[in-house]
Amino acid sequence: MKKSKFNYFFEVDGKKLAFNAMSCGLAEIDQDFEEIYENIDHIVYSELEEKKKKIVDMMSEGFYIIDNDMDEIALLKFRNNKGKYNDRFISFVIAPTMACNFACPYCYEKAKPGIMGQDIQDKIIELAKEAAEQKKDIDFTWYGGEPLLAKKVIYSLSERVINICEKNKVNYSASIITNGYLIEEEDVELFRKYKIENVQITVDGTREIHNTRRVLKNGGEGTFDIIINNIKKLYQKCAISLRVNIDKTNIQDTMNLIDYFKEEGLDQLFVNFGHVSPYTENNQAIKSKCLSVEQYSKESLKLQEYLHIKGFRSSGFPYYPGIKANYCGADSISTFVIDPEGYKYKCWNEVGDKRVAVGNIMWEAKDVPDKMIAREVSYMTWSPFESKDCKECFLLPICMGGCPYTGKALGKNHCERWKYSLQEVLKKTYEQKQMCV
């Protein structure tokens, strides 16, 4: 047997711990573990006493040691390809409009008036029907622009695709990403009727801070109170993910926001923090206000801990790493984004920018320009295994080279926040486990 290349050793309060990124296992280790580990190249399993055999078995199960024939990079490539080319489901990210009633200063999208036409809607249903007949599960994510400016499209398409899934006995799931301003009482029931079970709404701080960031396009009054009232309409009827986009201008207010939601009795919310980044040429002006990945990593960990202290039940702390196959929908063959004109994109950050589309659902395959095909291929073949730094990094199984969109823009792989926060996360995980013993 031999040592895994994805082991990480550190100490907490004099205790020695080992983490393996291939299994995401975390173990407190003793002298027997260390002795076996250091001599693994020369150990003959059959000659070990029973106690040490059990230790070897556990080390092997946690991937700390592996068979001599195991090529870990090859295994990761296999996992990566399985994730990328998994075609047992289809996921549609649908923007029924690129119009928006907000004018957020950090928004990377190009707002555009207009609602998805009936021909595009019918084509989406045709694609969903083909998938359902092939026994693929179907997932819809409503996106935009502000999708609730096109409610009729959302509910009409939802009803049609649900009927298709029920007829073909396949699973259907749906979520929506909305600014939360246009939610009315009837929408609460319609969300439930049309299986929109997960709702992401952004609140960027307490009233004063939020109202400087999440502003109406028409220059109207602040949006905070209306959004909060709408969250309360949905509370405990849908799974609400509260997103807080953080940068240098609101980071100091975020704990106050957590306090506010606690005081309002909204501690069942799942709160997640978004890293404001100058993704596109549209919002390079905000670059000086953005936190670096390292800064964001440390600040978000503090905020996660504060949520835990405040008793937000749905917000587990610490956020423990998990094994990645492929990175996201951008490098998945079964996921694509569709704009109101039927153009397809691999990344949400690009929706509405036809210059970077990878096709159009209304076109025959033979009519897709080579340039668009090349762009889709570039996402599907984006790989951390071409980077020497990635292949030598013990974080590779939980990072997989980082965001493909950012990596393509930089011309190199983009390190995840684990690079800056992993040891602290593992330390806090261990400390919590000790409290439960």
Protein backbone atom coordinates (compact mmCIF):
# COMPACT_ATOMS: atom_id res chain seq x y z
CA MET A 1 0.00 0.00 0.00
CA LYS A 2 1.03 3.66 -0.27
CA LYS A 3 0.15 7.09 1.07
CA SER A 4 -2.57 9.15 -0.53
CA LYS A 5 -1.34 12.42 -2.04
CA PHE A 6 -4.45 14.18 -0.72
CA ASN A 7 -3.73 13.97 3.00
CA TYR A 8 -3.46 17.02 5.23
CA PHE A 9 -2.14 16.87 8.81
CA PHE A 10 -2.50 19.54 11.49
CA GLU A 11 -2.91 19.98 15.25
CA VAL A 12 -5.67 21.33 17.47
CA ASP A 13 -4.93 21.82 21.17
CA GLY A 14 -2.12 19.29 21.07
CA LYS A 15 -4.23 16.67 19.26
CA LYS A 16 -3.01 15.46 15.87
CA LEU A 17 -5.65 15.35 13.12
CA ALA A 18 -5.67 14.02 9.57
CA PHE A 19 -7.95 15.09 6.72
CA ASN A 20 -8.19 13.36 3.37
CA ALA A 21 -9.70 15.28 0.46
CA MET A 22 -10.58 12.16 -1.57
CA SER A 23 -12.96 10.93 1.16
CA CYS A 24 -13.39 14.18 3.13
CA GLY A 25 -12.61 12.06 6.18
CA LEU A 26 -11.36 13.75 9.36
CA ALA A 27 -9.69 11.69 12.08
CA GLU A 28 -7.86 12.19 15.35
CA ILE A 29 -4.72 10.13 15.01
CA ASP A 30 -2.44 8.42 17.49
CA GLN A 31 1.05 6.96 17.52
CA ASP A 32 -0.11 3.69 15.94
CA PHE A 33 -1.62 5.61 12.99
CA GLU A 34 1.58 7.62 12.54
CA GLU A 35 3.81 4.55 12.77
CA ILE A 36 1.75 2.67 10.17
CA TYR A 37 1.55 5.70 7.91
CA GLU A 38 5.28 6.36 7.94
CA ASN A 39 6.10 2.72 7.25
CA ILE A 40 3.26 1.81 4.93
CA ASP A 41 5.59 1.03 2.02
CA HIS A 42 7.12 -1.84 3.99
CA ILE A 43 4.15 -3.19 5.95
CA VAL A 44 2.88 -6.68 5.23
CA TYR A 45 -0.78 -6.71 6.22
CA SER A 46 -0.97 -10.46 6.93
CA GLU A 47 1.84 -10.15 9.48
CA LEU A 48 0.17 -7.40 11.55
CA GLU A 49 -1.51 -8.00 14.90
CA GLU A 50 -5.33 -7.66 14.88
CA LYS A 51 -5.33 -4.18 16.45
CA LYS A 52 -3.08 -2.78 13.73
CA LYS A 53 -5.01 -4.57 11.00
CA LYS A 54 -8.12 -2.70 12.13
CA ILE A 55 -6.21 0.58 12.02
CA VAL A 56 -4.98 -0.19 8.51
CA ASP A 57 -8.54 -1.05 7.47
CA MET A 58 -9.85 2.27 8.79
CA MET A 59 -7.00 4.19 7.18
CA SER A 60 -7.78 2.49 3.89
CA GLU A 61 -11.50 3.24 4.23
CA GLY A 62 -10.68 6.91 4.80
CA PHE A 63 -8.32 6.92 1.79
CA TYR A 64 -5.34 7.94 3.94
CA ILE A 65 -3.58 4.94 2.47
CA ILE A 66 -4.41 3.35 -0.88
CA ASP A 67 -3.53 0.31 -2.94
CA ASN A 68 -0.26 0.50 -4.86
CA ASP A 69 -2.16 0.14 -8.14
CA MET A 70 -4.44 3.09 -7.40
CA ASP A 71 -3.88 6.18 -9.57
CA GLU A 72 -5.70 8.91 -7.68
CA ILE A 73 -5.57 11.42 -10.51
CA ALA A 74 -7.08 8.85 -12.87
CA LEU A 75 -9.85 8.20 -10.32
CA LEU A 76 -10.58 11.92 -10.09
CA LYS A 77 -10.71 12.15 -13.88
CA PHE A 78 -13.18 9.27 -13.87
CA ARG A 79 -15.36 10.99 -11.26
CA ASN A 80 -15.11 14.23 -13.22
CA ASN A 81 -16.25 12.62 -16.46
CA LYS A 82 -19.12 10.82 -14.72
CA GLY A 83 -20.31 14.15 -13.34
CA LYS A 84 -19.91 16.06 -16.59
CA TYR A 85 -21.60 13.49 -18.79
CA ASN A 86 -24.35 12.28 -16.45
CA ASP A 87 -27.42 12.34 -18.69
CA ARG A 88 -29.97 10.76 -16.34
CA PHE A 89 -31.57 14.18 -15.74
CA ILE A 90 -31.99 17.51 -17.48
CA SER A 91 -31.81 20.88 -15.78
CA PHE A 92 -33.24 23.99 -17.42
CA VAL A 93 -32.27 27.42 -16.08
CA ILE A 94 -34.91 29.59 -17.72
CA ALA A 95 -34.96 33.37 -17.94
CA PRO A 96 -38.52 34.20 -19.15
CA THR A 97 -37.42 37.84 -19.32
CA MET A 98 -34.18 39.77 -19.07
CA ALA A 99 -36.08 42.85 -17.86
CA CYS A 100 -35.64 43.86 -14.23
CA ASN A 101 -37.35 46.30 -11.91
CA PHE A 102 -34.12 46.74 -9.92
CA ALA A 103 -30.89 48.57 -10.74
CA CYS A 104 -28.40 46.99 -8.33
CA PRO A 105 -24.96 48.63 -8.67
CA TYR A 106 -23.06 45.32 -8.75
CA CYS A 107 -25.31 43.54 -11.26
CA TYR A 108 -23.39 41.91 -14.12
CA GLU A 109 -26.40 41.43 -16.41
CA LYS A 110 -27.56 43.56 -19.32
CA ALA A 111 -31.24 44.27 -18.70
CA LYS A 112 -33.44 44.02 -21.79
CA PRO A 113 -37.23 44.47 -22.16
CA GLY A 114 -39.44 41.72 -23.50
CA ILE A 115 -41.08 38.47 -22.42
CA MET A 116 -40.44 34.97 -23.76
CA GLY A 117 -42.68 34.27 -26.76
CA GLN A 118 -45.02 31.33 -27.18
CA ASP A 119 -42.78 29.68 -29.78
CA ILE A 120 -39.85 29.52 -27.34
CA GLN A 121 -42.13 28.24 -24.60
CA ASP A 122 -43.46 25.49 -26.87
CA LYS A 123 -39.92 24.45 -27.78
CA ILE A 124 -38.96 24.18 -24.10
CA ILE A 125 -41.96 21.93 -23.57
CA GLU A 126 -40.89 19.85 -26.57
CA LEU A 127 -37.42 19.41 -25.07
CA ALA A 128 -38.91 18.53 -21.68
CA LYS A 129 -41.23 15.97 -23.28
CA GLU A 130 -38.32 14.30 -25.08
CA ALA A 131 -36.38 14.10 -21.80
CA ALA A 132 -39.34 12.75 -19.83
CA GLU A 133 -40.02 10.07 -22.43
CA GLN A 134 -36.40 8.99 -22.00
CA LYS A 135 -37.15 8.70 -18.25
CA LYS A 136 -34.95 11.63 -17.28
CA ASP A 137 -35.84 13.65 -14.18
CA ILE A 138 -36.47 17.32 -14.93
CA ASP A 139 -35.52 20.42 -12.95
CA PHE A 140 -36.51 24.01 -13.72
CA THR A 141 -34.81 27.05 -12.18
CA TRP A 142 -36.55 30.36 -12.92
CA TYR A 143 -34.01 33.10 -13.42
CA GLY A 144 -33.68 36.51 -15.07
CA GLY A 145 -33.68 39.51 -15.16
CA GLU A 146 -36.47 39.40 -12.64
CA PRO A 147 -38.49 36.29 -13.48
CA LEU A 148 -41.62 37.46 -11.65
CA LEU A 149 -42.08 40.13 -14.30
CA ALA A 150 -43.15 37.15 -16.43
CA LYS A 151 -45.45 35.29 -14.03
CA LYS A 152 -47.82 34.05 -16.72
CA VAL A 153 -44.94 32.38 -18.55
CA ILE A 154 -43.68 30.75 -15.34
CA TYR A 155 -47.04 29.32 -14.32
CA SER A 156 -48.07 28.25 -17.82
CA LEU A 157 -44.81 26.40 -18.50
CA SER A 158 -44.85 24.91 -15.01
CA GLU A 159 -48.32 23.43 -15.46
CA ARG A 160 -47.43 21.97 -18.85
CA VAL A 161 -44.16 20.37 -17.75
CA ILE A 162 -45.66 18.97 -14.53
CA ASN A 163 -48.35 17.23 -16.60
CA ILE A 164 -45.64 15.77 -18.84
CA CYS A 165 -43.63 14.49 -15.87
CA GLU A 166 -46.69 12.95 -14.22
CA LYS A 167 -47.68 11.23 -17.45
CA ASN A 168 -44.18 9.77 -17.87
CA LYS A 169 -43.70 9.03 -14.16
CA VAL A 170 -40.49 11.05 -13.78
CA ASN A 171 -39.55 13.47 -11.01
CA TYR A 172 -39.98 17.21 -11.38
CA SER A 173 -38.46 19.90 -9.17
CA ALA A 174 -38.33 23.66 -9.41
CA SER A 175 -36.81 26.72 -7.78
CA ILE A 176 -36.78 30.45 -8.42
CA ILE A 177 -34.19 33.19 -7.97
CA THR A 178 -35.99 36.48 -7.43
CA ASN A 179 -35.43 39.87 -5.84
CA GLY A 180 -38.60 39.18 -3.85
CA TYR A 181 -40.28 42.51 -4.57
CA LEU A 182 -43.19 41.29 -6.71
CA ILE A 183 -44.42 38.36 -4.60
CA GLU A 184 -48.15 38.62 -3.91
CA GLU A 185 -50.45 36.49 -1.75
CA GLU A 186 -51.65 34.50 -4.76
CA ASP A 187 -48.05 33.69 -5.72
CA VAL A 188 -47.53 31.85 -2.44
CA GLU A 189 -50.24 29.36 -3.35
CA LEU A 190 -49.16 29.22 -6.99
CA PHE A 191 -45.58 28.42 -5.95
CA ARG A 192 -46.93 25.45 -4.01
CA LYS A 193 -49.27 24.40 -6.81
CA TYR A 194 -46.49 24.48 -9.38
CA LYS A 195 -43.87 22.83 -7.15
CA ILE A 196 -41.60 25.88 -6.83
CA GLU A 197 -40.32 24.64 -3.52
CA ASN A 198 -37.09 26.62 -3.20
CA VAL A 199 -37.05 30.42 -3.35
CA GLN A 200 -33.84 32.46 -3.27
CA ILE A 201 -34.29 36.10 -2.25
CA THR A 202 -31.53 38.65 -1.77
CA VAL A 203 -31.34 41.01 1.20
CA ASP A 204 -28.07 42.90 1.36
CA GLY A 205 -28.18 44.38 4.85
CA THR A 206 -30.45 46.11 7.30
CA ARG A 207 -32.91 48.67 5.97
CA GLU A 208 -30.55 51.61 5.39
CA ILE A 209 -27.75 49.58 3.78
CA HIS A 210 -30.06 47.35 1.72
CA ASN A 211 -31.93 50.34 0.32
CA THR A 212 -28.71 51.78 -1.12
CA ARG A 213 -27.87 48.52 -2.91
CA ARG A 214 -31.14 46.88 -3.93
CA VAL A 215 -32.76 49.86 -5.59
CA LEU A 216 -35.75 50.22 -7.89
CA LYS A 217 -34.99 51.13 -11.48
CA ASN A 218 -37.69 53.82 -11.45
CA GLY A 219 -36.08 55.56 -8.47
CA GLY A 220 -38.94 54.68 -6.12
CA GLU A 221 -38.79 54.25 -2.37
CA GLY A 222 -36.67 51.65 -0.61
CA THR A 223 -37.31 47.97 -1.23
CA PHE A 224 -36.39 46.52 2.17
CA ASP A 225 -39.77 46.56 3.93
CA ILE A 226 -41.68 45.14 0.97
CA ILE A 227 -39.18 42.30 0.53
CA ILE A 228 -39.28 41.45 4.25
CA ASN A 229 -43.08 41.34 4.19
CA ASN A 230 -42.94 39.05 1.17
CA ILE A 231 -40.46 36.75 2.90
CA LYS A 232 -42.93 36.50 5.77
CA LYS A 233 -45.69 35.50 3.32
CA LEU A 234 -43.55 32.59 2.14
CA TYR A 235 -42.02 31.69 5.50
CA GLN A 236 -42.48 28.00 6.40
CA LYS A 237 -44.50 27.45 3.20
CA CYS A 238 -41.44 27.23 0.93
CA ALA A 239 -37.77 26.63 1.55
CA ILE A 240 -36.38 30.16 1.51
CA SER A 241 -32.71 30.75 0.81
CA LEU A 242 -31.75 34.23 1.91
CA ARG A 243 -28.77 35.46 -0.08
CA VAL A 244 -26.60 38.25 1.22
CA ASN A 245 -24.13 39.59 -1.35
CA ILE A 246 -21.17 40.88 0.60
CA ASP A 247 -18.41 43.32 -0.25
CA LYS A 248 -16.47 46.00 1.57
CA THR A 249 -19.46 48.35 1.71
CA ASN A 250 -21.83 46.12 3.70
CA ILE A 251 -19.73 43.48 5.45
CA GLN A 252 -19.85 45.34 8.77
CA ASP A 253 -23.65 45.42 8.67
CA THR A 254 -24.24 41.75 7.99
CA MET A 255 -24.28 40.62 11.63
CA ASN A 256 -26.86 43.33 12.30
CA LEU A 257 -28.98 41.79 9.54
CA ILE A 258 -28.69 38.37 11.17
CA ASP A 259 -29.81 39.93 14.46
CA TYR A 260 -32.77 41.52 12.69
CA PHE A 261 -34.00 38.22 11.25
CA LYS A 262 -33.60 36.56 14.64
CA GLU A 263 -35.66 39.29 16.30
CA GLU A 264 -38.34 38.91 13.62
CA GLY A 265 -38.59 35.18 14.36
CA LEU A 266 -37.23 34.20 10.95
CA ASP A 267 -34.45 31.91 12.13
CA GLN A 268 -35.64 28.99 9.98
CA LEU A 269 -34.24 30.76 6.92
CA PHE A 270 -31.26 29.23 5.17
CA VAL A 271 -28.76 32.08 4.86
CA ASN A 272 -25.95 31.99 2.34
CA PHE A 273 -23.38 34.62 1.49
CA GLY A 274 -22.52 35.67 -2.03
CA HIS A 275 -19.12 36.99 -3.01
CA VAL A 276 -19.60 40.17 -5.04
CA SER A 277 -17.12 39.98 -7.93
CA PRO A 278 -16.60 42.08 -11.08
CA TYR A 279 -17.62 39.17 -13.30
CA THR A 280 -18.09 41.08 -16.53
CA GLU A 281 -17.16 44.27 -18.28
CA ASN A 282 -20.53 45.63 -17.09
CA ASN A 283 -19.43 45.91 -13.50
CA GLN A 284 -15.66 46.43 -13.47
CA ALA A 285 -16.39 49.76 -11.74
CA ILE A 286 -17.15 47.92 -8.50
CA LYS A 287 -13.79 46.12 -8.41
CA SER A 288 -12.33 48.35 -5.69
CA LYS A 289 -15.27 47.50 -3.42
CA CYS A 290 -14.90 43.73 -3.77
CA LEU A 291 -13.31 41.47 -1.19
CA SER A 292 -10.50 39.20 -2.34
CA VAL A 293 -11.20 35.46 -2.26
CA GLU A 294 -9.07 35.22 0.88
CA GLN A 295 -10.92 38.09 2.58
CA TYR A 296 -14.30 36.69 1.58
CA SER A 297 -13.33 33.23 2.81
CA LYS A 298 -12.44 34.50 6.27
CA GLU A 299 -15.39 36.89 6.58
CA SER A 300 -17.97 34.34 5.43
CA LEU A 301 -16.67 31.83 7.98
CA LYS A 302 -17.16 34.39 10.76
CA LEU A 303 -20.70 35.04 9.55
CA GLN A 304 -21.50 31.32 9.38
CA GLU A 305 -20.36 30.98 12.97
CA TYR A 306 -22.53 33.93 14.00
CA LEU A 307 -25.56 32.28 12.36
CA HIS A 308 -24.81 29.14 14.35
CA ILE A 309 -24.51 31.09 17.59
CA LYS A 310 -27.82 32.80 16.88
CA GLY A 311 -29.55 29.48 16.37
CA PHE A 312 -30.41 29.58 12.69
CA ARG A 313 -31.43 25.93 12.51
CA SER A 314 -31.04 25.46 8.79
CA SER A 315 -27.55 26.95 8.63
CA GLY A 316 -25.08 24.19 9.50
CA PHE A 317 -21.75 25.31 10.86
CA PRO A 318 -19.10 24.95 9.85
CA TYR A 319 -19.78 24.47 6.15
CA TYR A 320 -17.83 21.24 5.65
CA PRO A 321 -16.18 20.44 2.31
CA GLY A 322 -17.64 17.82 0.01
CA ILE A 323 -16.25 15.82 -2.88
CA LYS A 324 -16.79 17.45 -6.27
CA ALA A 325 -17.22 15.55 -9.50
CA ASN A 326 -17.64 18.34 -12.00
CA TYR A 327 -17.79 21.93 -10.80
CA CYS A 328 -21.30 23.14 -11.72
CA GLY A 329 -23.90 23.29 -14.47
CA ALA A 330 -21.47 25.10 -16.75
CA ASP A 331 -19.46 21.90 -17.26
CA SER A 332 -22.45 19.54 -17.21
CA ILE A 333 -23.87 18.13 -20.42
CA SER A 334 -27.34 18.05 -18.87
CA THR A 335 -27.64 21.69 -17.81
CA PHE A 336 -28.05 24.84 -19.85
CA VAL A 337 -29.47 28.35 -19.48
CA ILE A 338 -32.15 29.62 -21.87
CA ASP A 339 -32.90 33.31 -22.42
CA PRO A 340 -36.22 34.79 -23.66
CA GLU A 341 -35.13 34.50 -27.30
CA GLY A 342 -34.18 30.85 -26.97
CA TYR A 343 -30.42 31.38 -26.89
CA LYS A 344 -28.54 28.80 -24.82
CA TYR A 345 -25.63 29.46 -22.45
CA LYS A 346 -23.44 27.28 -20.30
CA CYS A 347 -22.98 29.79 -17.46
CA TRP A 348 -25.56 31.91 -15.62
CA ASN A 349 -23.14 34.85 -15.71
CA GLU A 350 -23.45 35.00 -19.49
CA VAL A 351 -27.23 34.86 -19.94
CA GLY A 352 -28.54 37.49 -22.32
CA ASP A 353 -25.18 38.14 -23.99
CA LYS A 354 -25.67 36.50 -27.40
CA ARG A 355 -21.97 36.95 -28.19
CA VAL A 356 -21.20 34.06 -25.84
CA ALA A 357 -24.25 31.86 -26.49
CA VAL A 358 -23.66 28.21 -27.41
CA GLY A 359 -26.70 27.83 -29.62
CA ASN A 360 -30.43 28.44 -29.78
CA ILE A 361 -33.12 25.89 -28.96
CA MET A 362 -35.00 26.84 -32.14
CA TRP A 363 -32.11 25.89 -34.43
CA GLU A 364 -31.28 22.55 -35.95
CA ALA A 365 -27.94 21.16 -34.81
CA LYS A 366 -26.50 21.63 -38.29
CA ASP A 367 -27.26 25.37 -38.12
CA VAL A 368 -25.24 26.08 -34.96
CA PRO A 369 -22.15 28.13 -35.93
CA ASP A 370 -18.75 26.59 -35.24
CA LYS A 371 -17.92 29.49 -32.93
CA MET A 372 -20.83 28.57 -30.64
CA ILE A 373 -19.97 24.88 -30.74
CA ALA A 374 -16.39 25.75 -29.79
CA ARG A 375 -17.60 27.76 -26.80
CA GLU A 376 -19.68 24.87 -25.49
CA VAL A 377 -16.78 22.48 -26.04
CA SER A 378 -14.46 24.85 -24.15
CA TYR A 379 -16.72 24.61 -21.08
CA MET A 380 -17.17 20.85 -21.31
CA THR A 381 -13.44 20.26 -21.68
CA TRP A 382 -12.38 22.77 -19.03
CA SER A 383 -10.20 20.69 -16.76
CA PRO A 384 -8.05 21.08 -13.65
CA PHE A 385 -5.97 18.13 -14.83
CA GLU A 386 -4.16 20.29 -17.34
CA SER A 387 -2.81 22.46 -14.52
CA LYS A 388 0.36 21.30 -12.79
CA ASP A 389 -0.54 23.37 -9.71
CA CYS A 390 -3.98 21.74 -9.47
CA LYS A 391 -2.69 18.20 -9.89
CA GLU A 392 -0.18 18.76 -7.09
CA CYS A 393 -2.67 20.44 -4.74
CA PHE A 394 -4.19 18.32 -1.95
CA LEU A 395 -7.42 20.35 -2.29
CA LEU A 396 -8.11 19.13 -5.85
CA PRO A 397 -10.93 16.65 -4.97
CA ILE A 398 -12.97 19.36 -3.19
CA CYS A 399 -12.12 22.22 -5.54
CA MET A 400 -11.73 20.72 -9.02
CA GLY A 401 -9.98 23.78 -10.32
CA GLY A 402 -12.58 26.32 -9.24
CA CYS A 403 -15.20 28.18 -11.26
CA PRO A 404 -14.83 27.48 -15.02
CA TYR A 405 -16.21 30.90 -15.94
CA THR A 406 -13.68 32.74 -13.77
CA GLY A 407 -10.89 30.40 -14.81
CA LYS A 408 -11.60 30.97 -18.49
CA ALA A 409 -11.61 34.74 -17.95
CA LEU A 410 -8.29 34.59 -16.07
CA GLY A 411 -6.73 32.04 -18.41
CA LYS A 412 -5.90 29.79 -15.46
CA ASN A 413 -7.62 27.80 -12.74
CA HIS A 414 -9.14 29.85 -9.95
CA CYS A 415 -8.52 28.69 -6.37
CA GLU A 416 -11.57 28.12 -4.17
CA ARG A 417 -12.04 29.58 -0.69
CA TRP A 418 -10.92 26.26 0.83
CA LYS A 419 -7.36 27.38 0.12
CA TYR A 420 -7.77 30.01 2.84
CA SER A 421 -10.30 28.53 5.26
CA LEU A 422 -9.96 24.74 5.28
CA GLN A 423 -7.87 24.36 8.44
CA GLU A 424 -10.15 26.66 10.43
CA VAL A 425 -13.23 24.78 9.18
CA LEU A 426 -11.68 21.43 10.13
CA LYS A 427 -10.64 22.79 13.51
CA LYS A 428 -14.15 24.01 14.31
CA THR A 429 -15.66 20.76 13.06
CA TYR A 430 -13.41 18.80 15.39
CA GLU A 431 -14.19 21.06 18.34
CA GLN A 432 -17.93 20.61 17.80
CA LYS A 433 -17.60 16.84 17.59
CA GLN A 434 -15.67 16.87 20.86
CA MET A 435 -18.49 18.79 22.55
CA CYS A 436 -20.89 16.02 21.55
CA VAL A 437 -18.78 13.20 22.95
